C-alpha atoms as a PDB file:
ATOM      1  CA  MET A   1     -17.105   5.137 -16.996  1.00  0.00           C
ATOM      2  CA  LYS A   2     -14.937   4.058 -14.081  1.00  0.00           C
ATOM      3  CA  ASN A   3     -13.351   6.798 -11.965  1.00  0.00           C
ATOM      4  CA  ARG A   4      -9.577   6.831 -12.297  1.00  0.00           C
ATOM      5  CA  VAL A   5      -8.850   9.812 -10.052  1.00  0.00           C
ATOM      6  CA  THR A   6      -9.079   8.574  -6.478  1.00  0.00           C
ATOM      7  CA  GLY A   7      -8.317  11.809  -4.631  1.00  0.00           C
ATOM      8  CA  ILE A   8      -6.053  14.795  -4.254  1.00  0.00           C
ATOM      9  CA  GLY A   9      -2.373  13.959  -3.855  1.00  0.00           C
ATOM     10  CA  GLY A  10      -1.104  17.449  -3.196  1.00  0.00           C
ATOM     11  CA  LEU A  11      -1.852  21.152  -3.115  1.00  0.00           C
ATOM     12  CA  PHE A  12       1.116  23.364  -3.889  1.00  0.00           C
ATOM     13  CA  PHE A  13       1.252  27.142  -4.179  1.00  0.00           C
ATOM     14  CA  LYS A  14       3.769  29.940  -4.541  1.00  0.00           C
ATOM     15  CA  SER A  15       4.288  32.283  -1.604  1.00  0.00           C
ATOM     16  CA  LYS A  16       6.346  35.422  -1.030  1.00  0.00           C
ATOM     17  CA  ASP A  17       7.353  33.902   2.319  1.00  0.00           C
ATOM     18  CA  PRO A  18       6.778  30.125   2.546  1.00  0.00           C
ATOM     19  CA  LYS A  19       8.049  29.967   6.136  1.00  0.00           C
ATOM     20  CA  ALA A  20       5.615  32.669   7.269  1.00  0.00           C
ATOM     21  CA  SER A  21       2.793  30.925   5.369  1.00  0.00           C
ATOM     22  CA  LYS A  22       3.508  27.649   7.176  1.00  0.00           C
ATOM     23  CA  GLU A  23       3.649  29.452  10.524  1.00  0.00           C
ATOM     24  CA  TRP A  24       0.324  31.217   9.863  1.00  0.00           C
ATOM     25  CA  TYR A  25      -1.459  27.991   8.926  1.00  0.00           C
ATOM     26  CA  LYS A  26       0.030  26.260  11.964  1.00  0.00           C
ATOM     27  CA  LYS A  27      -1.026  29.026  14.371  1.00  0.00           C
ATOM     28  CA  HIS A  28      -4.479  29.781  12.966  1.00  0.00           C
ATOM     29  CA  LEU A  29      -5.610  26.471  11.461  1.00  0.00           C
ATOM     30  CA  GLY A  30      -3.590  23.928  13.439  1.00  0.00           C
ATOM     31  CA  PHE A  31      -1.588  22.524  10.520  1.00  0.00           C
ATOM     32  CA  ASN A  32       1.193  20.218  11.723  1.00  0.00           C
ATOM     33  CA  THR A  33       3.858  21.798   9.514  1.00  0.00           C
ATOM     34  CA  ASP A  34       7.407  20.687   8.779  1.00  0.00           C
ATOM     35  CA  ASP A  35      10.097  21.792   6.303  1.00  0.00           C
ATOM     36  CA  TYR A  36       7.885  20.766   3.364  1.00  0.00           C
ATOM     37  CA  GLY A  37       4.499  21.993   4.546  1.00  0.00           C
ATOM     38  CA  CYS A  38       1.908  19.644   6.004  1.00  0.00           C
ATOM     39  CA  THR A  39       1.030  16.035   5.269  1.00  0.00           C
ATOM     40  CA  PHE A  40      -2.579  15.003   5.859  1.00  0.00           C
ATOM     41  CA  TRP A  41      -2.824  11.270   6.574  1.00  0.00           C
ATOM     42  CA  TRP A  42      -6.022   9.353   5.862  1.00  0.00           C
ATOM     43  CA  LYS A  43      -7.263   5.898   4.863  1.00  0.00           C
ATOM     44  CA  ASP A  44      -8.929   4.934   1.601  1.00  0.00           C
ATOM     45  CA  LYS A  45     -12.025   2.708   1.343  1.00  0.00           C
ATOM     46  CA  GLN A  46      -9.848  -0.403   1.542  1.00  0.00           C
ATOM     47  CA  GLY A  47      -8.126   0.844   4.711  1.00  0.00           C
ATOM     48  CA  ASN A  48      -4.801   1.661   3.042  1.00  0.00           C
ATOM     49  CA  ASP A  49      -2.744   4.517   4.472  1.00  0.00           C
ATOM     50  CA  CYS A  50      -2.815   7.523   2.130  1.00  0.00           C
ATOM     51  CA  SER A  51      -1.606  11.090   2.269  1.00  0.00           C
ATOM     52  CA  THR A  52      -2.267  14.481   0.770  1.00  0.00           C
ATOM     53  CA  GLN A  53       0.563  17.017   0.783  1.00  0.00           C
ATOM     54  CA  TRP A  54       0.079  20.760   1.297  1.00  0.00           C
ATOM     55  CA  SER A  55       3.189  22.821   0.492  1.00  0.00           C
ATOM     56  CA  PRO A  56       4.015  26.481  -0.078  1.00  0.00           C
ATOM     57  CA  PHE A  57       6.902  27.152  -2.469  1.00  0.00           C
ATOM     58  CA  ALA A  58       9.026  30.270  -2.933  1.00  0.00           C
ATOM     59  CA  GLU A  59       7.432  32.565  -5.512  1.00  0.00           C
ATOM     60  CA  ASP A  60      10.501  32.256  -7.767  1.00  0.00           C
ATOM     61  CA  THR A  61      10.473  28.442  -7.799  1.00  0.00           C
ATOM     62  CA  LYS A  62      11.120  26.684 -11.096  1.00  0.00           C
ATOM     63  CA  TYR A  63       9.447  23.508  -9.809  1.00  0.00           C
ATOM     64  CA  TYR A  64       6.215  24.172 -11.745  1.00  0.00           C
ATOM     65  CA  ASP A  65       7.967  24.986 -15.037  1.00  0.00           C
ATOM     66  CA  PRO A  66       7.036  25.226 -17.822  1.00  0.00           C
ATOM     67  CA  SER A  67       3.766  26.399 -16.224  1.00  0.00           C
ATOM     68  CA  LYS A  68       3.681  30.007 -15.057  1.00  0.00           C
ATOM     69  CA  LYS A  69       0.769  29.416 -12.672  1.00  0.00           C
ATOM     70  CA  ASP A  70       1.073  30.173  -8.955  1.00  0.00           C
ATOM     71  CA  PHE A  71      -0.392  26.844  -7.865  1.00  0.00           C
ATOM     72  CA  MET A  72      -0.399  23.165  -8.742  1.00  0.00           C
ATOM     73  CA  PHE A  73      -2.739  20.300  -7.861  1.00  0.00           C
ATOM     74  CA  ASN A  74      -1.598  16.700  -8.010  1.00  0.00           C
ATOM     75  CA  TYR A  75      -4.206  13.970  -8.279  1.00  0.00           C
ATOM     76  CA  ARG A  76      -4.083  10.466  -6.878  1.00  0.00           C
ATOM     77  CA  VAL A  77      -4.693   8.295  -9.937  1.00  0.00           C
ATOM     78  CA  GLU A  78      -5.558   4.611  -9.979  1.00  0.00           C
ATOM     79  CA  ASN A  79      -2.732   2.327 -11.187  1.00  0.00           C
ATOM     80  CA  LEU A  80      -0.050   5.027 -11.288  1.00  0.00           C
END
């Protein structure tokens, strides 16, 4: 079977204090954070520019609804 998932598109999680989370990851792990979190840029096997997004959300966000989970993974999927 051919692989259709080509990578991770984003890692998103709920945080009591998204700003403090971004600051901690910047200070301790060197994340280049902005208003949305951190974008990791990379190239695929064909040399195309690709990105993976890392973003903390406020713990009361409705963005993940109807899920009640505290995190969300997005996959990079071929032909989507």
